[in-house]
Amino acid sequence: MQESGAARSNCYWLIEEEMSTSMAVPCLASKSFINHHKPAVHVTVALLKLQKIPGWMRTVFDDLSISSIIDNLKVMDVSPEMVLSFRALMNSGFLKAEHIASLNHVLQGCRKRMYNNIKEHIMDKHVQKMVSSSDDLGEVSDNLIHLMSRSFSDTNSGDKRLFEEIEMFFST
């Protein structure tokens, strides 16, 4: 029975180690890469919520590892799951003041990007209404291609969840 618990702990350690190491490598912390690690993020959060956090978590998420992950973050690549994991790391005492300051800077950039996306979305709707009354088929065609090339689904659903996670991070 105890061997099963040790095997489970080793499995969790492997999941966490692989996720943190790969996120600390430059160019790997992209949004698609993070989507691949969503289950590992939820494992991280669950382990950090335990009353007795496994000791190996401090070696997996040490100062250098956390700093490297934060340094690799780009405003465009931040996901709700990443913010959730950083919030859990902060609540568990894993983040230092300089980590939090760096995260605040990145998350403020995310907010700014989301606000700009919302403004662009509103402007595009306004342009769409103006163009719909135009008789110039070339202009209508150009604007339709522009609108089709944009992904509004990310703006509407993903950014809302990201915004909520960022707000919870700042309120912690």
C-alpha atoms as a PDB file:
ATOM      1  CA  MET A   1       0.000   0.000   0.000  1.00  0.00           C
ATOM      2  CA  GLN A   2       2.782   2.406   0.884  1.00  0.00           C
ATOM      3  CA  GLU A   3       4.573   1.475  -2.346  1.00  0.00           C
ATOM      4  CA  SER A   4       1.495   2.612  -4.283  1.00  0.00           C
ATOM      5  CA  GLY A   5       1.608   5.998  -2.541  1.00  0.00           C
ATOM      6  CA  ALA A   6       5.316   6.355  -3.343  1.00  0.00           C
ATOM      7  CA  ALA A   7       4.685   5.458  -6.979  1.00  0.00           C
ATOM      8  CA  ARG A   8       1.877   8.035  -7.148  1.00  0.00           C
ATOM      9  CA  SER A   9       4.147  10.660  -5.592  1.00  0.00           C
ATOM     10  CA  ASN A  10       6.860   9.855  -8.149  1.00  0.00           C
ATOM     11  CA  CYS A  11       4.316  10.178 -10.934  1.00  0.00           C
ATOM     12  CA  TYR A  12       3.207  13.600  -9.654  1.00  0.00           C
ATOM     13  CA  TRP A  13       6.843  14.640  -9.301  1.00  0.00           C
ATOM     14  CA  LEU A  14       7.540  13.632 -12.906  1.00  0.00           C
ATOM     15  CA  ILE A  15       4.505  15.578 -14.178  1.00  0.00           C
ATOM     16  CA  GLU A  16       5.493  18.698 -12.255  1.00  0.00           C
ATOM     17  CA  GLU A  17       9.179  18.469 -13.124  1.00  0.00           C
ATOM     18  CA  GLU A  18       8.451  18.068 -16.834  1.00  0.00           C
ATOM     19  CA  MET A  19       6.023  20.992 -16.852  1.00  0.00           C
ATOM     20  CA  SER A  20       8.192  23.416 -14.882  1.00  0.00           C
ATOM     21  CA  THR A  21      11.363  22.532 -16.768  1.00  0.00           C
ATOM     22  CA  SER A  22       9.752  22.874 -20.172  1.00  0.00           C
ATOM     23  CA  MET A  23       8.106  26.191 -19.236  1.00  0.00           C
ATOM     24  CA  ALA A  24      11.477  27.523 -18.092  1.00  0.00           C
ATOM     25  CA  VAL A  25      13.043  26.836 -21.494  1.00  0.00           C
ATOM     26  CA  PRO A  26      12.933  29.865 -23.808  1.00  0.00           C
ATOM     27  CA  CYS A  27      10.434  29.655 -26.695  1.00  0.00           C
ATOM     28  CA  LEU A  28       8.513  26.713 -25.212  1.00  0.00           C
ATOM     29  CA  ALA A  29       6.104  28.645 -23.000  1.00  0.00           C
ATOM     30  CA  SER A  30       3.722  29.409 -25.869  1.00  0.00           C
ATOM     31  CA  LYS A  31      -0.045  29.326 -25.584  1.00  0.00           C
ATOM     32  CA  SER A  32      -0.346  26.047 -27.521  1.00  0.00           C
ATOM     33  CA  PHE A  33       2.346  24.506 -25.344  1.00  0.00           C
ATOM     34  CA  ILE A  34       0.540  25.635 -22.183  1.00  0.00           C
ATOM     35  CA  ASN A  35      -2.719  24.174 -23.506  1.00  0.00           C
ATOM     36  CA  HIS A  36      -0.891  20.859 -23.746  1.00  0.00           C
ATOM     37  CA  HIS A  37       0.015  21.168 -20.042  1.00  0.00           C
ATOM     38  CA  LYS A  38      -3.417  22.162 -18.706  1.00  0.00           C
ATOM     39  CA  PRO A  39      -3.828  18.886 -16.777  1.00  0.00           C
ATOM     40  CA  ALA A  40      -0.387  19.351 -15.192  1.00  0.00           C
ATOM     41  CA  VAL A  41      -1.379  22.849 -14.087  1.00  0.00           C
ATOM     42  CA  HIS A  42      -4.454  21.445 -12.354  1.00  0.00           C
ATOM     43  CA  VAL A  43      -2.282  18.797 -10.665  1.00  0.00           C
ATOM     44  CA  THR A  44       0.036  21.591  -9.497  1.00  0.00           C
ATOM     45  CA  VAL A  45      -2.850  23.571  -8.035  1.00  0.00           C
ATOM     46  CA  ALA A  46      -4.291  20.497  -6.319  1.00  0.00           C
ATOM     47  CA  LEU A  47      -0.921  19.590  -4.779  1.00  0.00           C
ATOM     48  CA  LEU A  48      -0.401  23.162  -3.583  1.00  0.00           C
ATOM     49  CA  LYS A  49      -3.812  23.126  -1.892  1.00  0.00           C
ATOM     50  CA  LEU A  50      -2.914  20.092   0.226  1.00  0.00           C
ATOM     51  CA  GLN A  51      -2.438  20.719   3.934  1.00  0.00           C
ATOM     52  CA  LYS A  52       0.972  19.067   3.671  1.00  0.00           C
ATOM     53  CA  ILE A  53       2.569  20.053   0.371  1.00  0.00           C
ATOM     54  CA  PRO A  54       5.033  17.394  -0.830  1.00  0.00           C
ATOM     55  CA  GLY A  55       8.600  18.438  -0.041  1.00  0.00           C
ATOM     56  CA  TRP A  56       9.787  17.836  -3.582  1.00  0.00           C
ATOM     57  CA  MET A  57       7.532  20.676  -4.785  1.00  0.00           C
ATOM     58  CA  ARG A  58      10.089  23.141  -3.353  1.00  0.00           C
ATOM     59  CA  THR A  59      12.819  21.615  -5.502  1.00  0.00           C
ATOM     60  CA  VAL A  60      10.652  21.560  -8.621  1.00  0.00           C
ATOM     61  CA  PHE A  61       9.477  25.147  -8.118  1.00  0.00           C
ATOM     62  CA  ASP A  62      12.646  26.667  -6.716  1.00  0.00           C
ATOM     63  CA  ASP A  63      13.642  30.312  -7.118  1.00  0.00           C
ATOM     64  CA  LEU A  64      15.552  29.778 -10.367  1.00  0.00           C
ATOM     65  CA  SER A  65      12.767  27.701 -11.924  1.00  0.00           C
ATOM     66  CA  ILE A  66      10.065  30.241 -11.080  1.00  0.00           C
ATOM     67  CA  SER A  67      12.226  33.157 -12.255  1.00  0.00           C
ATOM     68  CA  SER A  68      12.928  31.378 -15.555  1.00  0.00           C
ATOM     69  CA  ILE A  69       9.244  30.647 -16.126  1.00  0.00           C
ATOM     70  CA  ILE A  70       8.295  34.268 -15.429  1.00  0.00           C
ATOM     71  CA  ASP A  71      11.127  35.569 -17.645  1.00  0.00           C
ATOM     72  CA  ASN A  72       9.804  33.451 -20.525  1.00  0.00           C
ATOM     73  CA  LEU A  73       6.255  34.749 -20.204  1.00  0.00           C
ATOM     74  CA  LYS A  74       5.038  36.872 -23.049  1.00  0.00           C
ATOM     75  CA  VAL A  75       1.850  38.894 -22.809  1.00  0.00           C
ATOM     76  CA  MET A  76       0.358  36.985 -25.754  1.00  0.00           C
ATOM     77  CA  ASP A  77       1.103  33.576 -24.226  1.00  0.00           C
ATOM     78  CA  VAL A  78      -0.428  33.990 -20.760  1.00  0.00           C
ATOM     79  CA  SER A  79      -3.346  31.633 -20.206  1.00  0.00           C
ATOM     80  CA  PRO A  80      -5.912  31.442 -17.409  1.00  0.00           C
ATOM     81  CA  GLU A  81      -4.268  28.199 -16.248  1.00  0.00           C
ATOM     82  CA  MET A  82      -0.896  29.893 -15.922  1.00  0.00           C
ATOM     83  CA  VAL A  83      -2.363  32.667 -13.791  1.00  0.00           C
ATOM     84  CA  LEU A  84      -4.167  30.033 -11.714  1.00  0.00           C
ATOM     85  CA  SER A  85      -0.906  28.173 -11.098  1.00  0.00           C
ATOM     86  CA  PHE A  86       0.958  31.363 -10.180  1.00  0.00           C
ATOM     87  CA  ARG A  87      -1.839  32.293  -7.785  1.00  0.00           C
ATOM     88  CA  ALA A  88      -1.562  28.865  -6.126  1.00  0.00           C
ATOM     89  CA  LEU A  89       2.234  29.236  -5.932  1.00  0.00           C
ATOM     90  CA  MET A  90       1.801  32.675  -4.370  1.00  0.00           C
ATOM     91  CA  ASN A  91      -0.794  31.460  -1.849  1.00  0.00           C
ATOM     92  CA  SER A  92       1.546  28.612  -0.866  1.00  0.00           C
ATOM     93  CA  GLY A  93       4.476  30.950  -0.274  1.00  0.00           C
ATOM     94  CA  PHE A  94       6.554  29.853  -3.269  1.00  0.00           C
ATOM     95  CA  LEU A  95       6.753  33.310  -4.872  1.00  0.00           C
ATOM     96  CA  LYS A  96       9.124  35.995  -3.659  1.00  0.00           C
ATOM     97  CA  ALA A  97       8.408  39.712  -3.846  1.00  0.00           C
ATOM     98  CA  GLU A  98      10.437  40.092  -7.058  1.00  0.00           C
ATOM     99  CA  HIS A  99       8.487  37.223  -8.663  1.00  0.00           C
ATOM    100  CA  ILE A 100       5.225  38.940  -7.795  1.00  0.00           C
ATOM    101  CA  ALA A 101       6.491  42.287  -9.125  1.00  0.00           C
ATOM    102  CA  SER A 102       7.537  40.671 -12.428  1.00  0.00           C
ATOM    103  CA  LEU A 103       4.196  38.877 -12.708  1.00  0.00           C
ATOM    104  CA  ASN A 104       2.333  42.119 -11.990  1.00  0.00           C
ATOM    105  CA  HIS A 105       4.175  43.739 -14.904  1.00  0.00           C
ATOM    106  CA  VAL A 106       3.299  40.884 -17.299  1.00  0.00           C
ATOM    107  CA  LEU A 107      -0.313  40.698 -16.122  1.00  0.00           C
ATOM    108  CA  GLN A 108      -0.748  44.465 -16.529  1.00  0.00           C
ATOM    109  CA  GLY A 109       0.434  43.994 -20.112  1.00  0.00           C
ATOM    110  CA  CYS A 110      -2.186  41.247 -20.535  1.00  0.00           C
ATOM    111  CA  ARG A 111      -4.893  43.579 -19.278  1.00  0.00           C
ATOM    112  CA  LYS A 112      -3.779  46.276 -21.697  1.00  0.00           C
ATOM    113  CA  ARG A 113      -3.808  43.792 -24.599  1.00  0.00           C
ATOM    114  CA  MET A 114      -7.307  42.614 -23.663  1.00  0.00           C
ATOM    115  CA  TYR A 115      -8.617  46.191 -23.445  1.00  0.00           C
ATOM    116  CA  ASN A 116      -7.099  46.966 -26.851  1.00  0.00           C
ATOM    117  CA  ASN A 117      -8.697  43.807 -28.301  1.00  0.00           C
ATOM    118  CA  ILE A 118     -12.074  44.880 -26.945  1.00  0.00           C
ATOM    119  CA  LYS A 119     -11.664  48.346 -28.457  1.00  0.00           C
ATOM    120  CA  GLU A 120     -10.683  46.820 -31.827  1.00  0.00           C
ATOM    121  CA  HIS A 121     -13.674  44.471 -31.652  1.00  0.00           C
ATOM    122  CA  ILE A 122     -16.003  47.405 -31.020  1.00  0.00           C
ATOM    123  CA  MET A 123     -14.398  49.422 -33.825  1.00  0.00           C
ATOM    124  CA  ASP A 124     -14.703  46.469 -36.229  1.00  0.00           C
ATOM    125  CA  LYS A 125     -18.401  46.158 -35.398  1.00  0.00           C
ATOM    126  CA  HIS A 126     -18.786  49.864 -36.113  1.00  0.00           C
ATOM    127  CA  VAL A 127     -16.900  49.504 -39.422  1.00  0.00           C
ATOM    128  CA  GLN A 128     -19.011  46.468 -40.279  1.00  0.00           C
ATOM    129  CA  LYS A 129     -22.198  48.503 -39.806  1.00  0.00           C
ATOM    130  CA  MET A 130     -20.813  51.352 -41.929  1.00  0.00           C
ATOM    131  CA  VAL A 131     -19.674  49.024 -44.708  1.00  0.00           C
ATOM    132  CA  SER A 132     -22.940  47.113 -44.816  1.00  0.00           C
ATOM    133  CA  SER A 133     -24.588  50.200 -46.217  1.00  0.00           C
ATOM    134  CA  SER A 134     -21.835  50.802 -48.780  1.00  0.00           C
ATOM    135  CA  ASP A 135     -22.393  50.105 -52.463  1.00  0.00           C
ATOM    136  CA  ASP A 136     -18.656  49.515 -53.098  1.00  0.00           C
ATOM    137  CA  LEU A 137     -18.330  45.712 -53.355  1.00  0.00           C
ATOM    138  CA  GLY A 138     -14.515  45.892 -53.256  1.00  0.00           C
ATOM    139  CA  GLU A 139     -14.619  47.702 -49.908  1.00  0.00           C
ATOM    140  CA  VAL A 140     -17.193  45.265 -48.574  1.00  0.00           C
ATOM    141  CA  SER A 141     -15.032  42.336 -49.714  1.00  0.00           C
ATOM    142  CA  ASP A 142     -11.865  43.787 -48.129  1.00  0.00           C
ATOM    143  CA  ASN A 143     -13.611  44.348 -44.821  1.00  0.00           C
ATOM    144  CA  LEU A 144     -15.131  40.873 -44.827  1.00  0.00           C
ATOM    145  CA  ILE A 145     -11.707  39.314 -45.380  1.00  0.00           C
ATOM    146  CA  HIS A 146     -10.328  41.422 -42.531  1.00  0.00           C
ATOM    147  CA  LEU A 147     -13.128  40.369 -40.207  1.00  0.00           C
ATOM    148  CA  MET A 148     -12.812  36.704 -41.158  1.00  0.00           C
ATOM    149  CA  SER A 149      -9.067  36.735 -40.502  1.00  0.00           C
ATOM    150  CA  ARG A 150      -9.589  37.816 -36.899  1.00  0.00           C
ATOM    151  CA  SER A 151     -10.498  35.308 -34.251  1.00  0.00           C
ATOM    152  CA  PHE A 152     -13.217  36.826 -32.110  1.00  0.00           C
ATOM    153  CA  SER A 153     -13.814  33.614 -30.224  1.00  0.00           C
ATOM    154  CA  ASP A 154     -10.496  34.072 -28.399  1.00  0.00           C
ATOM    155  CA  THR A 155     -11.377  37.671 -27.598  1.00  0.00           C
ATOM    156  CA  ASN A 156     -14.777  36.850 -26.184  1.00  0.00           C
ATOM    157  CA  SER A 157     -14.386  33.630 -24.198  1.00  0.00           C
ATOM    158  CA  GLY A 158     -10.692  33.107 -23.487  1.00  0.00           C
ATOM    159  CA  ASP A 159      -9.944  36.687 -22.538  1.00  0.00           C
ATOM    160  CA  LYS A 160     -12.914  36.840 -20.177  1.00  0.00           C
ATOM    161  CA  ARG A 161     -11.629  33.846 -18.214  1.00  0.00           C
ATOM    162  CA  LEU A 162      -8.066  35.204 -18.313  1.00  0.00           C
ATOM    163  CA  PHE A 163      -9.288  38.582 -17.105  1.00  0.00           C
ATOM    164  CA  GLU A 164     -11.112  36.922 -14.189  1.00  0.00           C
ATOM    165  CA  GLU A 165      -7.985  34.941 -13.216  1.00  0.00           C
ATOM    166  CA  ILE A 166      -5.855  38.092 -13.376  1.00  0.00           C
ATOM    167  CA  GLU A 167      -8.319  39.937 -11.153  1.00  0.00           C
ATOM    168  CA  MET A 168      -8.249  37.070  -8.626  1.00  0.00           C
ATOM    169  CA  PHE A 169      -4.420  37.126  -8.714  1.00  0.00           C
ATOM    170  CA  PHE A 170      -4.364  40.859  -7.961  1.00  0.00           C
ATOM    171  CA  SER A 171      -6.942  40.546  -5.189  1.00  0.00           C
ATOM    172  CA  THR A 172      -4.922  37.834  -3.401  1.00  0.00           C
END
